[in-house]
Amino acid sequence: MELAKVCYVWCLLSFLLFQCLLEGTGQQTSFELPVQLIGFPFIIMAVRLTNFVKKLSYALSPATYRSRSRRELLLTDPAEPFDVVEVEKYIVGEFGAKACVFERVCAHYATRARTQPRPQLDWPDVFSQYKRSPDQAKEYYLLSVFLGDIVGSPTLCHQLGKRMNCDTQQFGI
């Protein structure tokens, strides 16, 4: 609405300006228009139009509606930003010395997080696997699912699987 008003005023001023310039074709002009009267409205209109185009392109981009962490996953370089030793220390600190990661489960959800722009966990599958897992392995299964889904790094999952694998503890999922 405001853009229409600006365009209307711009057209009106341009018409008046050209009308005055065409009438004053003699040696002495009766009316001189300052340059700022033309330049400033043009600059203001150009800035507003540019801002509108930027906001429109942002709104139409599908990446806008992804969570920030998902957008950052797509923009990061192939080098892993995670230090496996630090992640392992944190997991051991939170879950204890017997903590482990199901490499296959973690890598599966990490791959899904990388490939799908707005992944939704398959909750029935997650809960059915959770119910089938032994009582000692339930929290490690969920750890593996969420680690893969949130971090989205299959490489980190493989490295953690080598260092603290749940299959060696015979939980078998």
C-alpha atoms as a PDB file:
ATOM      1  CA  MET A   1       0.000   0.000   0.000  1.00  0.00           C
ATOM      2  CA  GLU A   2       2.780   2.410   0.923  1.00  0.00           C
ATOM      3  CA  LEU A   3       4.687   1.428  -2.204  1.00  0.00           C
ATOM      4  CA  ALA A   4       1.671   2.453  -4.288  1.00  0.00           C
ATOM      5  CA  LYS A   5       1.597   5.850  -2.567  1.00  0.00           C
ATOM      6  CA  VAL A   6       5.310   6.361  -3.179  1.00  0.00           C
ATOM      7  CA  CYS A   7       4.917   5.440  -6.854  1.00  0.00           C
ATOM      8  CA  TYR A   8       1.935   7.777  -7.186  1.00  0.00           C
ATOM      9  CA  VAL A   9       3.818  10.701  -5.612  1.00  0.00           C
ATOM     10  CA  TRP A  10       6.896   9.909  -7.714  1.00  0.00           C
ATOM     11  CA  CYS A  11       4.852   9.945 -10.939  1.00  0.00           C
ATOM     12  CA  LEU A  12       3.151  13.184  -9.952  1.00  0.00           C
ATOM     13  CA  LEU A  13       6.464  14.894  -9.164  1.00  0.00           C
ATOM     14  CA  SER A  14       8.010  13.598 -12.373  1.00  0.00           C
ATOM     15  CA  PHE A  15       5.055  14.900 -14.387  1.00  0.00           C
ATOM     16  CA  LEU A  16       5.317  18.333 -12.762  1.00  0.00           C
ATOM     17  CA  LEU A  17       9.059  18.404 -13.292  1.00  0.00           C
ATOM     18  CA  PHE A  18       8.860  17.553 -16.980  1.00  0.00           C
ATOM     19  CA  GLN A  19       5.995  19.981 -17.482  1.00  0.00           C
ATOM     20  CA  CYS A  20       8.053  22.793 -15.951  1.00  0.00           C
ATOM     21  CA  LEU A  21      11.107  21.877 -18.021  1.00  0.00           C
ATOM     22  CA  LEU A  22       9.152  21.794 -21.272  1.00  0.00           C
ATOM     23  CA  GLU A  23       7.549  25.201 -20.645  1.00  0.00           C
ATOM     24  CA  GLY A  24      10.832  26.856 -19.779  1.00  0.00           C
ATOM     25  CA  THR A  25      12.561  26.410 -23.145  1.00  0.00           C
ATOM     26  CA  GLY A  26      13.637  30.074 -23.324  1.00  0.00           C
ATOM     27  CA  GLN A  27      16.931  31.591 -22.248  1.00  0.00           C
ATOM     28  CA  GLN A  28      15.720  32.410 -18.768  1.00  0.00           C
ATOM     29  CA  THR A  29      13.782  29.682 -16.960  1.00  0.00           C
ATOM     30  CA  SER A  30      11.098  30.759 -14.571  1.00  0.00           C
ATOM     31  CA  PHE A  31      11.529  27.758 -12.307  1.00  0.00           C
ATOM     32  CA  GLU A  32      14.685  25.841 -11.426  1.00  0.00           C
ATOM     33  CA  LEU A  33      14.314  22.494  -9.684  1.00  0.00           C
ATOM     34  CA  PRO A  34      17.050  21.451  -7.250  1.00  0.00           C
ATOM     35  CA  VAL A  35      18.748  18.154  -7.972  1.00  0.00           C
ATOM     36  CA  GLN A  36      18.016  16.887  -4.459  1.00  0.00           C
ATOM     37  CA  LEU A  37      14.295  17.039  -5.158  1.00  0.00           C
ATOM     38  CA  ILE A  38      14.745  14.320  -7.773  1.00  0.00           C
ATOM     39  CA  GLY A  39      17.623  12.338  -6.265  1.00  0.00           C
ATOM     40  CA  PHE A  40      16.388  11.772  -2.717  1.00  0.00           C
ATOM     41  CA  PRO A  41      12.971  10.310  -3.615  1.00  0.00           C
ATOM     42  CA  PHE A  42      14.664   8.063  -6.171  1.00  0.00           C
ATOM     43  CA  ILE A  43      17.182   6.808  -3.599  1.00  0.00           C
ATOM     44  CA  ILE A  44      14.479   6.237  -0.988  1.00  0.00           C
ATOM     45  CA  MET A  45      12.322   4.334  -3.467  1.00  0.00           C
ATOM     46  CA  ALA A  46      15.298   2.219  -4.600  1.00  0.00           C
ATOM     47  CA  VAL A  47      16.197   1.303  -1.005  1.00  0.00           C
ATOM     48  CA  ARG A  48      12.609   0.365  -0.150  1.00  0.00           C
ATOM     49  CA  LEU A  49      12.276  -1.707  -3.300  1.00  0.00           C
ATOM     50  CA  THR A  50      15.555  -3.486  -2.553  1.00  0.00           C
ATOM     51  CA  ASN A  51      14.471  -4.258   1.015  1.00  0.00           C
ATOM     52  CA  PHE A  52      11.150  -5.584  -0.262  1.00  0.00           C
ATOM     53  CA  VAL A  53      12.892  -7.888  -2.751  1.00  0.00           C
ATOM     54  CA  LYS A  54      15.270  -9.167  -0.045  1.00  0.00           C
ATOM     55  CA  LYS A  55      12.417  -9.900   2.348  1.00  0.00           C
ATOM     56  CA  LEU A  56      10.398 -11.582  -0.393  1.00  0.00           C
ATOM     57  CA  SER A  57      13.282 -13.819  -1.428  1.00  0.00           C
ATOM     58  CA  TYR A  58      13.918 -14.729   2.225  1.00  0.00           C
ATOM     59  CA  ALA A  59      10.250 -15.613   2.721  1.00  0.00           C
ATOM     60  CA  LEU A  60      10.116 -17.740  -0.436  1.00  0.00           C
ATOM     61  CA  SER A  61      13.314 -19.671   0.316  1.00  0.00           C
ATOM     62  CA  PRO A  62      12.637 -23.159   1.709  1.00  0.00           C
ATOM     63  CA  ALA A  63      15.754 -22.946   3.889  1.00  0.00           C
ATOM     64  CA  THR A  64      14.038 -20.177   5.887  1.00  0.00           C
ATOM     65  CA  TYR A  65      11.664 -22.634   7.487  1.00  0.00           C
ATOM     66  CA  ARG A  66      14.333 -25.059   8.708  1.00  0.00           C
ATOM     67  CA  SER A  67      15.621 -24.799  12.216  1.00  0.00           C
ATOM     68  CA  ARG A  68      18.888 -22.937  12.594  1.00  0.00           C
ATOM     69  CA  SER A  69      20.797 -26.075  13.493  1.00  0.00           C
ATOM     70  CA  ARG A  70      19.595 -27.781  10.299  1.00  0.00           C
ATOM     71  CA  ARG A  71      20.588 -24.771   8.180  1.00  0.00           C
ATOM     72  CA  GLU A  72      24.029 -24.804   9.782  1.00  0.00           C
ATOM     73  CA  LEU A  73      24.396 -28.510   8.979  1.00  0.00           C
ATOM     74  CA  LEU A  74      23.871 -27.798   5.295  1.00  0.00           C
ATOM     75  CA  LEU A  75      26.321 -24.896   5.246  1.00  0.00           C
ATOM     76  CA  THR A  76      29.214 -26.493   7.087  1.00  0.00           C
ATOM     77  CA  ASP A  77      32.250 -27.771   5.300  1.00  0.00           C
ATOM     78  CA  PRO A  78      33.021 -31.489   5.058  1.00  0.00           C
ATOM     79  CA  ALA A  79      35.544 -31.271   7.878  1.00  0.00           C
ATOM     80  CA  GLU A  80      34.015 -32.476  11.121  1.00  0.00           C
ATOM     81  CA  PRO A  81      33.621 -29.728  13.733  1.00  0.00           C
ATOM     82  CA  PHE A  82      33.364 -32.294  16.559  1.00  0.00           C
ATOM     83  CA  ASP A  83      36.240 -33.691  18.525  1.00  0.00           C
ATOM     84  CA  VAL A  84      35.483 -37.367  19.156  1.00  0.00           C
ATOM     85  CA  VAL A  85      37.478 -37.436  22.378  1.00  0.00           C
ATOM     86  CA  GLU A  86      35.532 -34.473  23.793  1.00  0.00           C
ATOM     87  CA  VAL A  87      32.195 -35.986  22.783  1.00  0.00           C
ATOM     88  CA  GLU A  88      33.213 -39.299  24.351  1.00  0.00           C
ATOM     89  CA  LYS A  89      34.238 -37.536  27.587  1.00  0.00           C
ATOM     90  CA  TYR A  90      30.903 -35.756  27.719  1.00  0.00           C
ATOM     91  CA  ILE A  91      28.919 -38.969  27.126  1.00  0.00           C
ATOM     92  CA  VAL A  92      30.912 -40.822  29.780  1.00  0.00           C
ATOM     93  CA  GLY A  93      30.432 -37.913  32.173  1.00  0.00           C
ATOM     94  CA  GLU A  94      26.658 -37.921  31.644  1.00  0.00           C
ATOM     95  CA  PHE A  95      25.946 -41.651  31.307  1.00  0.00           C
ATOM     96  CA  GLY A  96      28.801 -43.253  33.230  1.00  0.00           C
ATOM     97  CA  ALA A  97      31.772 -45.427  32.303  1.00  0.00           C
ATOM     98  CA  LYS A  98      29.619 -48.146  30.720  1.00  0.00           C
ATOM     99  CA  ALA A  99      28.062 -45.727  28.235  1.00  0.00           C
ATOM    100  CA  CYS A 100      28.071 -46.808  24.616  1.00  0.00           C
ATOM    101  CA  VAL A 101      26.682 -45.837  21.213  1.00  0.00           C
ATOM    102  CA  PHE A 102      24.905 -48.070  18.711  1.00  0.00           C
ATOM    103  CA  GLU A 103      26.886 -47.193  15.613  1.00  0.00           C
ATOM    104  CA  ARG A 104      24.343 -48.471  13.106  1.00  0.00           C
ATOM    105  CA  VAL A 105      21.416 -46.637  14.740  1.00  0.00           C
ATOM    106  CA  CYS A 106      23.355 -43.395  15.169  1.00  0.00           C
ATOM    107  CA  ALA A 107      24.640 -43.447  11.577  1.00  0.00           C
ATOM    108  CA  HIS A 108      21.143 -44.210  10.223  1.00  0.00           C
ATOM    109  CA  TYR A 109      19.585 -41.173  11.899  1.00  0.00           C
ATOM    110  CA  ALA A 110      22.592 -38.974  11.105  1.00  0.00           C
ATOM    111  CA  THR A 111      22.257 -39.838   7.408  1.00  0.00           C
ATOM    112  CA  ARG A 112      18.537 -39.056   7.523  1.00  0.00           C
ATOM    113  CA  ALA A 113      19.263 -35.700   9.172  1.00  0.00           C
ATOM    114  CA  ARG A 114      21.714 -34.803   6.403  1.00  0.00           C
ATOM    115  CA  THR A 115      19.556 -35.857   3.454  1.00  0.00           C
ATOM    116  CA  GLN A 116      16.083 -34.693   4.484  1.00  0.00           C
ATOM    117  CA  PRO A 117      15.556 -30.949   4.938  1.00  0.00           C
ATOM    118  CA  ARG A 118      12.921 -31.302   7.668  1.00  0.00           C
ATOM    119  CA  PRO A 119      13.278 -34.827   8.984  1.00  0.00           C
ATOM    120  CA  GLN A 120      10.684 -36.175  11.308  1.00  0.00           C
ATOM    121  CA  LEU A 121      11.627 -39.136  13.408  1.00  0.00           C
ATOM    122  CA  ASP A 122       9.691 -42.288  12.675  1.00  0.00           C
ATOM    123  CA  TRP A 123       8.328 -42.457  16.211  1.00  0.00           C
ATOM    124  CA  PRO A 124       6.556 -45.829  15.894  1.00  0.00           C
ATOM    125  CA  ASP A 125       9.816 -47.385  14.687  1.00  0.00           C
ATOM    126  CA  VAL A 126      11.844 -45.666  17.410  1.00  0.00           C
ATOM    127  CA  PHE A 127       9.468 -46.840  20.140  1.00  0.00           C
ATOM    128  CA  SER A 128       9.208 -50.391  18.791  1.00  0.00           C
ATOM    129  CA  GLN A 129      13.014 -50.678  18.764  1.00  0.00           C
ATOM    130  CA  TYR A 130      13.087 -49.123  22.225  1.00  0.00           C
ATOM    131  CA  LYS A 131      10.627 -51.710  23.570  1.00  0.00           C
ATOM    132  CA  ARG A 132      12.563 -54.599  21.994  1.00  0.00           C
ATOM    133  CA  SER A 133      15.898 -53.527  23.419  1.00  0.00           C
ATOM    134  CA  PRO A 134      17.081 -54.957  26.745  1.00  0.00           C
ATOM    135  CA  ASP A 135      16.507 -52.821  29.814  1.00  0.00           C
ATOM    136  CA  GLN A 136      20.213 -51.992  30.155  1.00  0.00           C
ATOM    137  CA  ALA A 137      20.382 -50.767  26.536  1.00  0.00           C
ATOM    138  CA  LYS A 138      17.243 -48.599  26.362  1.00  0.00           C
ATOM    139  CA  GLU A 139      18.868 -45.327  27.321  1.00  0.00           C
ATOM    140  CA  TYR A 140      21.859 -46.032  25.044  1.00  0.00           C
ATOM    141  CA  TYR A 141      19.497 -46.729  22.159  1.00  0.00           C
ATOM    142  CA  LEU A 142      17.792 -43.360  22.668  1.00  0.00           C
ATOM    143  CA  LEU A 143      21.194 -41.721  23.060  1.00  0.00           C
ATOM    144  CA  SER A 144      22.210 -43.163  19.690  1.00  0.00           C
ATOM    145  CA  VAL A 145      18.972 -42.044  18.018  1.00  0.00           C
ATOM    146  CA  PHE A 146      19.136 -38.478  19.291  1.00  0.00           C
ATOM    147  CA  LEU A 147      22.887 -38.156  18.805  1.00  0.00           C
ATOM    148  CA  GLY A 148      22.487 -39.141  15.162  1.00  0.00           C
ATOM    149  CA  ASP A 149      19.436 -36.966  14.590  1.00  0.00           C
ATOM    150  CA  ILE A 150      20.637 -33.827  16.331  1.00  0.00           C
ATOM    151  CA  VAL A 151      24.324 -33.827  15.419  1.00  0.00           C
ATOM    152  CA  GLY A 152      23.759 -35.263  11.929  1.00  0.00           C
ATOM    153  CA  SER A 153      27.306 -36.545  11.480  1.00  0.00           C
ATOM    154  CA  PRO A 154      27.671 -40.149  10.264  1.00  0.00           C
ATOM    155  CA  THR A 155      31.438 -39.816  10.590  1.00  0.00           C
ATOM    156  CA  LEU A 156      31.154 -38.931  14.272  1.00  0.00           C
ATOM    157  CA  CYS A 157      28.806 -41.894  14.774  1.00  0.00           C
ATOM    158  CA  HIS A 158      31.308 -44.280  13.166  1.00  0.00           C
ATOM    159  CA  GLN A 159      34.172 -42.906  15.239  1.00  0.00           C
ATOM    160  CA  LEU A 160      32.145 -43.150  18.450  1.00  0.00           C
ATOM    161  CA  GLY A 161      31.063 -46.651  17.428  1.00  0.00           C
ATOM    162  CA  LYS A 162      34.705 -47.693  17.188  1.00  0.00           C
ATOM    163  CA  ARG A 163      35.560 -46.186  20.573  1.00  0.00           C
ATOM    164  CA  MET A 164      32.476 -47.136  22.594  1.00  0.00           C
ATOM    165  CA  ASN A 165      30.457 -49.733  20.693  1.00  0.00           C
ATOM    166  CA  CYS A 166      27.345 -51.222  22.272  1.00  0.00           C
ATOM    167  CA  ASP A 167      27.618 -54.385  20.150  1.00  0.00           C
ATOM    168  CA  THR A 168      30.722 -55.427  22.100  1.00  0.00           C
ATOM    169  CA  GLN A 169      28.594 -55.321  25.237  1.00  0.00           C
ATOM    170  CA  GLN A 170      26.130 -57.732  23.528  1.00  0.00           C
ATOM    171  CA  PHE A 171      23.045 -55.581  23.672  1.00  0.00           C
ATOM    172  CA  GLY A 172      22.217 -56.514  20.043  1.00  0.00           C
ATOM    173  CA  ILE A 173      19.706 -54.180  18.481  1.00  0.00           C
END
